[in-house]
Amino acid sequence: MINLFCALYCEAEPLINQYQLSELRQFDLFRIFQSEDKQVTLTITGIGKLNAASAVTYHHANLETSASDVWLNVGVAGHKSMAIGEVCLVNKITDNKDLSCWYPQILFQPSCKTEALITVSEPSTDYEQALYDMEAAGFYSIATRLGTSELIHCLKIVSDNDQQPTEYINKTMVKDLLIKNLDVITGIIDKLKVLSNELYSISRAPSCYQAFIDKWHFTATERIQLERLLRQWSKRLPDKDVIKSANKLTSGKSVLRHLQTTINETGFVIYD
């Protein structure tokens, strides 16, 4: 699932239209939108890092999020010298209040610049050579507790700078900035979807795992060993029926011994 977060409706509206999202009226603390197939969601957080953190928590509590989900904060930000409309994927987030720092892991080639960002508590025109917003630190600090760090990112469009400060910003301008950069935004989302699928295929339990759990008893530690051995088996013995080979065994421990012995006898072991 793609989980999108915007501070303001004018930031969210182009994405709501792009992905044909409908508002889920049962939620009243934050406005949440979702596609018909439930694969894309968007929550409007409101301004400020506390609101952003609360919105991420609320979103997670009310929707079925998973470790393989994409989490993306999209919105506008200030910068000292970047041109209005420049799109940046954030590579460092700093909370200017307590100086906490996070470094989003960018495992793909973005189609835009990457830049550091500072989250401030109040609107500021004391620009430095970094992006400025009011939500990213709140969003990221909570999202990393719920998802996979490689799939959690912030994407910002420059809306103000030294030459055109915040007093020039209005809802129409913000909406237009999002519309003009929809191709970049959706391109980043598509790349994160591919990464999400790759990470899911790596991390998910082998297809036969549940059959073993249903047939034999394994402790929590043994289940971890079982999953590892089944992965190794699928790589080394893809043509050999692993369930059939263990079918006559009577305990989980004997199954683990059998799997390990058989894998060892192939003469090569792949370690996860």
C-alpha atoms as a PDB file:
ATOM      1  CA  MET A   1       0.000   0.000   0.000  1.00  0.00           C
ATOM      2  CA  ILE A   2       1.104   3.570  -0.702  1.00  0.00           C
ATOM      3  CA  ASN A   3       0.609   5.845   2.327  1.00  0.00           C
ATOM      4  CA  LEU A   4       0.781   9.539   1.388  1.00  0.00           C
ATOM      5  CA  PHE A   5       0.796  12.422   3.860  1.00  0.00           C
ATOM      6  CA  CYS A   6       0.270  16.111   3.079  1.00  0.00           C
ATOM      7  CA  ALA A   7      -0.037  18.969   5.540  1.00  0.00           C
ATOM      8  CA  LEU A   8      -2.685  20.883   3.574  1.00  0.00           C
ATOM      9  CA  TYR A   9      -5.595  20.027   1.311  1.00  0.00           C
ATOM     10  CA  CYS A  10      -4.157  22.235  -1.466  1.00  0.00           C
ATOM     11  CA  GLU A  11      -1.062  19.988  -1.449  1.00  0.00           C
ATOM     12  CA  ALA A  12      -3.182  16.851  -1.372  1.00  0.00           C
ATOM     13  CA  GLU A  13      -5.834  17.724  -3.970  1.00  0.00           C
ATOM     14  CA  PRO A  14      -3.727  17.010  -7.093  1.00  0.00           C
ATOM     15  CA  LEU A  15      -2.757  13.610  -5.626  1.00  0.00           C
ATOM     16  CA  ILE A  16      -6.353  12.870  -4.653  1.00  0.00           C
ATOM     17  CA  ASN A  17      -7.375  13.523  -8.260  1.00  0.00           C
ATOM     18  CA  GLN A  18      -4.412  11.651  -9.738  1.00  0.00           C
ATOM     19  CA  TYR A  19      -5.131   8.451  -7.804  1.00  0.00           C
ATOM     20  CA  GLN A  20      -8.943   8.896  -7.737  1.00  0.00           C
ATOM     21  CA  LEU A  21      -9.112   8.819  -3.956  1.00  0.00           C
ATOM     22  CA  SER A  22     -12.357   9.036  -2.001  1.00  0.00           C
ATOM     23  CA  GLU A  23     -12.643  10.369   1.536  1.00  0.00           C
ATOM     24  CA  LEU A  24     -13.292   7.808   4.262  1.00  0.00           C
ATOM     25  CA  ARG A  25     -16.022   9.543   6.230  1.00  0.00           C
ATOM     26  CA  GLN A  26     -15.779   7.290   9.280  1.00  0.00           C
ATOM     27  CA  PHE A  27     -12.589   9.040  10.390  1.00  0.00           C
ATOM     28  CA  ASP A  28     -13.001  12.447  11.972  1.00  0.00           C
ATOM     29  CA  LEU A  29      -9.701  13.244  13.692  1.00  0.00           C
ATOM     30  CA  PHE A  30      -7.801  13.505  10.397  1.00  0.00           C
ATOM     31  CA  ARG A  31      -9.102  13.461   6.839  1.00  0.00           C
ATOM     32  CA  ILE A  32      -8.163  10.176   5.169  1.00  0.00           C
ATOM     33  CA  PHE A  33      -8.636   9.352   1.480  1.00  0.00           C
ATOM     34  CA  GLN A  34      -8.304   5.975  -0.221  1.00  0.00           C
ATOM     35  CA  SER A  35      -8.401   4.483  -3.719  1.00  0.00           C
ATOM     36  CA  GLU A  36     -11.105   1.979  -4.624  1.00  0.00           C
ATOM     37  CA  ASP A  37      -8.617  -0.904  -4.588  1.00  0.00           C
ATOM     38  CA  LYS A  38      -7.270   0.296  -1.202  1.00  0.00           C
ATOM     39  CA  GLN A  39      -3.728   0.413  -2.560  1.00  0.00           C
ATOM     40  CA  VAL A  40      -3.257   4.183  -2.213  1.00  0.00           C
ATOM     41  CA  THR A  41      -4.167   6.222   0.857  1.00  0.00           C
ATOM     42  CA  LEU A  42      -3.637   9.852   1.739  1.00  0.00           C
ATOM     43  CA  THR A  43      -3.951  11.588   5.097  1.00  0.00           C
ATOM     44  CA  ILE A  44      -4.054  15.357   5.583  1.00  0.00           C
ATOM     45  CA  THR A  45      -1.981  16.022   8.683  1.00  0.00           C
ATOM     46  CA  GLY A  46      -2.378  19.723   9.287  1.00  0.00           C
ATOM     47  CA  ILE A  47       0.575  22.037   9.872  1.00  0.00           C
ATOM     48  CA  GLY A  48       3.362  21.233  12.334  1.00  0.00           C
ATOM     49  CA  LYS A  49       5.425  18.240  13.374  1.00  0.00           C
ATOM     50  CA  LEU A  50       3.120  17.283  16.262  1.00  0.00           C
ATOM     51  CA  ASN A  51       0.142  17.123  13.908  1.00  0.00           C
ATOM     52  CA  ALA A  52       2.209  15.141  11.413  1.00  0.00           C
ATOM     53  CA  ALA A  53       3.293  12.628  14.057  1.00  0.00           C
ATOM     54  CA  SER A  54      -0.267  12.268  15.341  1.00  0.00           C
ATOM     55  CA  ALA A  55      -1.632  11.807  11.822  1.00  0.00           C
ATOM     56  CA  VAL A  56       0.828   9.016  11.037  1.00  0.00           C
ATOM     57  CA  THR A  57      -0.115   7.256  14.276  1.00  0.00           C
ATOM     58  CA  TYR A  58      -3.840   7.682  13.572  1.00  0.00           C
ATOM     59  CA  HIS A  59      -3.433   6.482   9.989  1.00  0.00           C
ATOM     60  CA  HIS A  60      -1.616   3.348  11.131  1.00  0.00           C
ATOM     61  CA  ALA A  61      -4.144   2.624  13.885  1.00  0.00           C
ATOM     62  CA  ASN A  62      -7.119   2.803  11.539  1.00  0.00           C
ATOM     63  CA  LEU A  63      -5.796   1.265   8.319  1.00  0.00           C
ATOM     64  CA  GLU A  64      -4.085  -2.070   7.751  1.00  0.00           C
ATOM     65  CA  THR A  65      -0.521  -0.901   7.119  1.00  0.00           C
ATOM     66  CA  SER A  66       2.345  -3.358   6.755  1.00  0.00           C
ATOM     67  CA  ALA A  67       6.131  -3.403   6.833  1.00  0.00           C
ATOM     68  CA  SER A  68       6.247  -3.460   3.025  1.00  0.00           C
ATOM     69  CA  ASP A  69       4.169  -0.278   2.639  1.00  0.00           C
ATOM     70  CA  VAL A  70       5.493   2.941   1.113  1.00  0.00           C
ATOM     71  CA  TRP A  71       5.290   6.018   3.378  1.00  0.00           C
ATOM     72  CA  LEU A  72       5.742   9.368   1.616  1.00  0.00           C
ATOM     73  CA  ASN A  73       5.359  12.905   2.940  1.00  0.00           C
ATOM     74  CA  VAL A  74       4.666  15.285   0.047  1.00  0.00           C
ATOM     75  CA  GLY A  75       4.500  19.052   0.341  1.00  0.00           C
ATOM     76  CA  VAL A  76       6.139  22.425  -0.136  1.00  0.00           C
ATOM     77  CA  ALA A  77       9.207  23.797   1.600  1.00  0.00           C
ATOM     78  CA  GLY A  78      11.370  26.897   1.656  1.00  0.00           C
ATOM     79  CA  HIS A  79      15.022  27.166   0.578  1.00  0.00           C
ATOM     80  CA  LYS A  80      17.544  30.004   0.511  1.00  0.00           C
ATOM     81  CA  SER A  81      18.425  29.915  -3.162  1.00  0.00           C
ATOM     82  CA  MET A  82      16.669  27.083  -5.010  1.00  0.00           C
ATOM     83  CA  ALA A  83      14.213  28.156  -7.670  1.00  0.00           C
ATOM     84  CA  ILE A  84      10.502  28.064  -6.947  1.00  0.00           C
ATOM     85  CA  GLY A  85       9.133  24.756  -8.213  1.00  0.00           C
ATOM     86  CA  GLU A  86      12.340  22.752  -7.727  1.00  0.00           C
ATOM     87  CA  VAL A  87      11.570  19.217  -6.518  1.00  0.00           C
ATOM     88  CA  CYS A  88      13.820  17.543  -3.953  1.00  0.00           C
ATOM     89  CA  LEU A  89      13.896  14.143  -2.317  1.00  0.00           C
ATOM     90  CA  VAL A  90      15.087  14.640   1.255  1.00  0.00           C
ATOM     91  CA  ASN A  91      18.361  12.932   2.218  1.00  0.00           C
ATOM     92  CA  LYS A  92      18.664  14.298   5.769  1.00  0.00           C
ATOM     93  CA  ILE A  93      16.065  15.554   8.241  1.00  0.00           C
ATOM     94  CA  THR A  94      16.989  17.723  11.224  1.00  0.00           C
ATOM     95  CA  ASP A  95      14.611  18.835  13.962  1.00  0.00           C
ATOM     96  CA  ASN A  96      15.816  22.344  14.743  1.00  0.00           C
ATOM     97  CA  LYS A  97      14.371  22.205  18.265  1.00  0.00           C
ATOM     98  CA  ASP A  98      16.312  19.243  19.684  1.00  0.00           C
ATOM     99  CA  LEU A  99      18.723  18.727  16.728  1.00  0.00           C
ATOM    100  CA  SER A 100      17.611  15.117  16.210  1.00  0.00           C
ATOM    101  CA  CYS A 101      18.681  13.845  12.778  1.00  0.00           C
ATOM    102  CA  TRP A 102      17.466  11.146  10.422  1.00  0.00           C
ATOM    103  CA  TYR A 103      18.982   9.975   7.152  1.00  0.00           C
ATOM    104  CA  PRO A 104      16.423   8.487   4.740  1.00  0.00           C
ATOM    105  CA  GLN A 105      17.886   5.560   2.799  1.00  0.00           C
ATOM    106  CA  ILE A 106      17.585   6.267  -0.920  1.00  0.00           C
ATOM    107  CA  LEU A 107      18.057   2.902  -2.686  1.00  0.00           C
ATOM    108  CA  PHE A 108      16.971   4.056  -6.127  1.00  0.00           C
ATOM    109  CA  GLN A 109      17.965   6.750  -8.595  1.00  0.00           C
ATOM    110  CA  PRO A 110      15.549   9.661  -8.053  1.00  0.00           C
ATOM    111  CA  SER A 111      14.485  11.816 -10.972  1.00  0.00           C
ATOM    112  CA  CYS A 112      15.087  14.987  -8.958  1.00  0.00           C
ATOM    113  CA  LYS A 113      17.669  16.570  -6.701  1.00  0.00           C
ATOM    114  CA  THR A 114      18.302  15.336  -3.168  1.00  0.00           C
ATOM    115  CA  GLU A 115      18.664  17.848  -0.342  1.00  0.00           C
ATOM    116  CA  ALA A 116      18.866  18.162   3.428  1.00  0.00           C
ATOM    117  CA  LEU A 117      15.822  19.512   5.273  1.00  0.00           C
ATOM    118  CA  ILE A 118      15.315  21.312   8.576  1.00  0.00           C
ATOM    119  CA  THR A 119      11.958  21.057  10.347  1.00  0.00           C
ATOM    120  CA  VAL A 120      11.079  24.222  12.263  1.00  0.00           C
ATOM    121  CA  SER A 121       8.343  24.918  14.784  1.00  0.00           C
ATOM    122  CA  GLU A 122       7.308  28.273  13.337  1.00  0.00           C
ATOM    123  CA  PRO A 123       7.374  29.727   9.814  1.00  0.00           C
ATOM    124  CA  SER A 124      10.801  31.235   9.153  1.00  0.00           C
ATOM    125  CA  THR A 125      12.519  33.344   6.513  1.00  0.00           C
ATOM    126  CA  ASP A 126      15.980  32.851   8.035  1.00  0.00           C
ATOM    127  CA  TYR A 127      16.910  30.622   5.117  1.00  0.00           C
ATOM    128  CA  GLU A 128      20.026  28.491   4.906  1.00  0.00           C
ATOM    129  CA  GLN A 129      21.205  26.196   2.128  1.00  0.00           C
ATOM    130  CA  ALA A 130      18.665  23.568   3.116  1.00  0.00           C
ATOM    131  CA  LEU A 131      14.967  22.942   2.728  1.00  0.00           C
ATOM    132  CA  TYR A 132      12.663  24.207   5.489  1.00  0.00           C
ATOM    133  CA  ASP A 133       9.320  22.730   6.495  1.00  0.00           C
ATOM    134  CA  MET A 134       7.227  22.153   9.617  1.00  0.00           C
ATOM    135  CA  GLU A 135       6.223  18.484   9.308  1.00  0.00           C
ATOM    136  CA  ALA A 136       8.982  16.138   8.086  1.00  0.00           C
ATOM    137  CA  ALA A 137      10.598  15.419  11.471  1.00  0.00           C
ATOM    138  CA  GLY A 138       7.233  14.543  13.018  1.00  0.00           C
ATOM    139  CA  PHE A 139       6.257  12.372  10.072  1.00  0.00           C
ATOM    140  CA  TYR A 140       9.562  10.556   9.789  1.00  0.00           C
ATOM    141  CA  SER A 141      10.151   9.922  13.497  1.00  0.00           C
ATOM    142  CA  ILE A 142       6.867   7.985  13.771  1.00  0.00           C
ATOM    143  CA  ALA A 143       6.810   6.354  10.329  1.00  0.00           C
ATOM    144  CA  THR A 144      10.186   4.695  10.945  1.00  0.00           C
ATOM    145  CA  ARG A 145       8.666   2.929  13.950  1.00  0.00           C
ATOM    146  CA  LEU A 146       5.904   1.476  11.805  1.00  0.00           C
ATOM    147  CA  GLY A 147       7.449   0.771   8.420  1.00  0.00           C
ATOM    148  CA  THR A 148      10.691  -0.133   6.673  1.00  0.00           C
ATOM    149  CA  SER A 149      13.200   2.717   6.550  1.00  0.00           C
ATOM    150  CA  GLU A 150      14.063   2.188   2.866  1.00  0.00           C
ATOM    151  CA  LEU A 151      10.408   2.846   1.988  1.00  0.00           C
ATOM    152  CA  ILE A 152       9.918   6.012   4.066  1.00  0.00           C
ATOM    153  CA  HIS A 153      10.686   9.339   2.373  1.00  0.00           C
ATOM    154  CA  CYS A 154       9.882  13.036   2.148  1.00  0.00           C
ATOM    155  CA  LEU A 155       9.455  14.796  -1.192  1.00  0.00           C
ATOM    156  CA  LYS A 156       9.383  18.583  -1.179  1.00  0.00           C
ATOM    157  CA  ILE A 157       8.720  21.283  -3.765  1.00  0.00           C
ATOM    158  CA  VAL A 158      10.341  24.677  -3.209  1.00  0.00           C
ATOM    159  CA  SER A 159       7.625  27.295  -2.632  1.00  0.00           C
ATOM    160  CA  ASP A 160       9.621  30.210  -1.210  1.00  0.00           C
ATOM    161  CA  ASN A 161      13.173  31.545  -1.061  1.00  0.00           C
ATOM    162  CA  ASP A 162      15.158  34.720  -0.353  1.00  0.00           C
ATOM    163  CA  GLN A 163      13.769  36.424  -3.437  1.00  0.00           C
ATOM    164  CA  GLN A 164      10.172  35.266  -2.995  1.00  0.00           C
ATOM    165  CA  PRO A 165       9.481  34.683   0.727  1.00  0.00           C
ATOM    166  CA  THR A 166       6.505  33.065   2.444  1.00  0.00           C
ATOM    167  CA  GLU A 167       4.102  36.008   2.168  1.00  0.00           C
ATOM    168  CA  TYR A 168       3.780  35.269  -1.546  1.00  0.00           C
ATOM    169  CA  ILE A 169       2.490  31.745  -0.916  1.00  0.00           C
ATOM    170  CA  ASN A 170      -1.223  31.016  -1.327  1.00  0.00           C
ATOM    171  CA  LYS A 171      -3.361  27.908  -1.803  1.00  0.00           C
ATOM    172  CA  THR A 172      -3.645  28.297  -5.563  1.00  0.00           C
ATOM    173  CA  MET A 173       0.119  28.633  -5.952  1.00  0.00           C
ATOM    174  CA  VAL A 174       0.749  25.520  -3.831  1.00  0.00           C
ATOM    175  CA  LYS A 175      -1.807  23.487  -5.787  1.00  0.00           C
ATOM    176  CA  ASP A 176      -0.246  24.603  -9.083  1.00  0.00           C
ATOM    177  CA  LEU A 177       3.228  23.597  -7.885  1.00  0.00           C
ATOM    178  CA  LEU A 178       1.941  20.090  -7.127  1.00  0.00           C
ATOM    179  CA  ILE A 179       0.140  19.815 -10.463  1.00  0.00           C
ATOM    180  CA  LYS A 180       3.202  20.932 -12.448  1.00  0.00           C
ATOM    181  CA  ASN A 181       5.340  18.325 -10.709  1.00  0.00           C
ATOM    182  CA  LEU A 182       2.916  15.383 -10.685  1.00  0.00           C
ATOM    183  CA  ASP A 183       5.082  13.447 -13.138  1.00  0.00           C
ATOM    184  CA  VAL A 184       8.060  13.670 -10.798  1.00  0.00           C
ATOM    185  CA  ILE A 185       5.975  12.787  -7.748  1.00  0.00           C
ATOM    186  CA  THR A 186       4.263   9.803  -9.347  1.00  0.00           C
ATOM    187  CA  GLY A 187       7.609   8.677 -10.786  1.00  0.00           C
ATOM    188  CA  ILE A 188       9.109   8.584  -7.287  1.00  0.00           C
ATOM    189  CA  ILE A 189       6.051   6.699  -6.017  1.00  0.00           C
ATOM    190  CA  ASP A 190       6.389   4.158  -8.834  1.00  0.00           C
ATOM    191  CA  LYS A 191      10.050   3.562  -7.969  1.00  0.00           C
ATOM    192  CA  LEU A 192       9.150   3.093  -4.309  1.00  0.00           C
ATOM    193  CA  LYS A 193       6.417   0.613  -5.327  1.00  0.00           C
ATOM    194  CA  VAL A 194       8.997  -1.459  -7.215  1.00  0.00           C
ATOM    195  CA  LEU A 195      11.332  -1.370  -4.211  1.00  0.00           C
ATOM    196  CA  SER A 196       8.450  -2.299  -1.926  1.00  0.00           C
ATOM    197  CA  ASN A 197       7.660  -5.344  -4.060  1.00  0.00           C
ATOM    198  CA  GLU A 198      11.309  -6.398  -4.086  1.00  0.00           C
ATOM    199  CA  LEU A 199      11.668  -6.075  -0.321  1.00  0.00           C
ATOM    200  CA  TYR A 200       8.404  -7.938   0.209  1.00  0.00           C
ATOM    201  CA  SER A 201       9.486 -10.843  -1.985  1.00  0.00           C
ATOM    202  CA  ILE A 202      12.742 -11.099  -0.033  1.00  0.00           C
ATOM    203  CA  SER A 203      11.196 -10.856   3.421  1.00  0.00           C
ATOM    204  CA  ARG A 204       8.021 -12.903   3.027  1.00  0.00           C
ATOM    205  CA  ALA A 205       7.965 -16.447   4.363  1.00  0.00           C
ATOM    206  CA  PRO A 206       8.417 -19.263   1.794  1.00  0.00           C
ATOM    207  CA  SER A 207       5.120 -20.493   0.358  1.00  0.00           C
ATOM    208  CA  CYS A 208       5.448 -23.871   2.110  1.00  0.00           C
ATOM    209  CA  TYR A 209       6.208 -22.334   5.514  1.00  0.00           C
ATOM    210  CA  GLN A 210       2.610 -22.426   6.775  1.00  0.00           C
ATOM    211  CA  ALA A 211       2.230 -26.092   5.795  1.00  0.00           C
ATOM    212  CA  PHE A 212       5.141 -26.950   8.094  1.00  0.00           C
ATOM    213  CA  ILE A 213       3.712 -24.840  10.923  1.00  0.00           C
ATOM    214  CA  ASP A 214       0.350 -26.586  10.572  1.00  0.00           C
ATOM    215  CA  LYS A 215       1.827 -30.106  10.555  1.00  0.00           C
ATOM    216  CA  TRP A 216       4.563 -29.878  13.228  1.00  0.00           C
ATOM    217  CA  HIS A 217       5.167 -27.925  16.414  1.00  0.00           C
ATOM    218  CA  PHE A 218       7.989 -25.386  16.380  1.00  0.00           C
ATOM    219  CA  THR A 219       9.012 -22.968  19.114  1.00  0.00           C
ATOM    220  CA  ALA A 220       9.404 -19.289  18.221  1.00  0.00           C
ATOM    221  CA  THR A 221      13.163 -19.760  17.783  1.00  0.00           C
ATOM    222  CA  GLU A 222      12.641 -22.914  15.730  1.00  0.00           C
ATOM    223  CA  ARG A 223      10.221 -21.062  13.430  1.00  0.00           C
ATOM    224  CA  ILE A 224      12.971 -18.584  12.600  1.00  0.00           C
ATOM    225  CA  GLN A 225      15.323 -21.494  11.868  1.00  0.00           C
ATOM    226  CA  LEU A 226      12.633 -23.171   9.763  1.00  0.00           C
ATOM    227  CA  GLU A 227      12.093 -20.087   7.622  1.00  0.00           C
ATOM    228  CA  ARG A 228      15.837 -19.726   7.051  1.00  0.00           C
ATOM    229  CA  LEU A 229      16.246 -23.388   6.106  1.00  0.00           C
ATOM    230  CA  LEU A 230      13.269 -23.302   3.740  1.00  0.00           C
ATOM    231  CA  ARG A 231      14.813 -20.308   1.964  1.00  0.00           C
ATOM    232  CA  GLN A 232      18.093 -22.187   1.618  1.00  0.00           C
ATOM    233  CA  TRP A 233      16.279 -25.281   0.374  1.00  0.00           C
ATOM    234  CA  SER A 234      14.455 -23.313  -2.328  1.00  0.00           C
ATOM    235  CA  LYS A 235      17.783 -21.972  -3.598  1.00  0.00           C
ATOM    236  CA  ARG A 236      19.773 -25.197  -3.462  1.00  0.00           C
ATOM    237  CA  LEU A 237      17.075 -27.803  -4.136  1.00  0.00           C
ATOM    238  CA  PRO A 238      14.370 -26.042  -6.160  1.00  0.00           C
ATOM    239  CA  ASP A 239      13.273 -29.264  -7.887  1.00  0.00           C
ATOM    240  CA  LYS A 240      12.956 -31.375  -4.739  1.00  0.00           C
ATOM    241  CA  ASP A 241       9.620 -31.414  -2.866  1.00  0.00           C
ATOM    242  CA  VAL A 242      10.575 -30.262   0.623  1.00  0.00           C
ATOM    243  CA  ILE A 243       7.248 -31.236   2.236  1.00  0.00           C
ATOM    244  CA  LYS A 244       7.312 -34.728   0.747  1.00  0.00           C
ATOM    245  CA  SER A 245      10.907 -35.235   1.902  1.00  0.00           C
ATOM    246  CA  ALA A 246       9.959 -34.511   5.526  1.00  0.00           C
ATOM    247  CA  ASN A 247       6.494 -36.026   5.501  1.00  0.00           C
ATOM    248  CA  LYS A 248       7.278 -39.059   7.663  1.00  0.00           C
ATOM    249  CA  LEU A 249       9.042 -37.131  10.429  1.00  0.00           C
ATOM    250  CA  THR A 250       7.267 -36.809  13.765  1.00  0.00           C
ATOM    251  CA  SER A 251       8.574 -33.607  15.379  1.00  0.00           C
ATOM    252  CA  GLY A 252       9.639 -30.103  14.537  1.00  0.00           C
ATOM    253  CA  LYS A 253      13.155 -30.763  15.804  1.00  0.00           C
ATOM    254  CA  SER A 254      13.560 -33.784  13.546  1.00  0.00           C
ATOM    255  CA  VAL A 255      12.318 -31.705  10.600  1.00  0.00           C
ATOM    256  CA  LEU A 256      14.936 -29.025  11.255  1.00  0.00           C
ATOM    257  CA  ARG A 257      17.681 -31.667  11.491  1.00  0.00           C
ATOM    258  CA  HIS A 258      16.501 -33.252   8.254  1.00  0.00           C
ATOM    259  CA  LEU A 259      16.422 -29.953   6.391  1.00  0.00           C
ATOM    260  CA  GLN A 260      19.863 -28.915   7.620  1.00  0.00           C
ATOM    261  CA  THR A 261      21.411 -32.301   6.858  1.00  0.00           C
ATOM    262  CA  THR A 262      19.954 -32.453   3.367  1.00  0.00           C
ATOM    263  CA  ILE A 263      21.104 -28.914   2.578  1.00  0.00           C
ATOM    264  CA  ASN A 264      24.586 -29.654   3.921  1.00  0.00           C
ATOM    265  CA  GLU A 265      24.822 -32.742   1.731  1.00  0.00           C
ATOM    266  CA  THR A 266      24.432 -30.621  -1.378  1.00  0.00           C
ATOM    267  CA  GLY A 267      28.013 -29.485  -0.769  1.00  0.00           C
ATOM    268  CA  PHE A 268      27.157 -25.811  -0.668  1.00  0.00           C
ATOM    269  CA  VAL A 269      25.136 -23.745   1.764  1.00  0.00           C
ATOM    270  CA  ILE A 270      23.690 -20.301   1.135  1.00  0.00           C
ATOM    271  CA  TYR A 271      23.539 -18.199   4.273  1.00  0.00           C
ATOM    272  CA  ASP A 272      20.770 -15.608   4.587  1.00  0.00           C
END
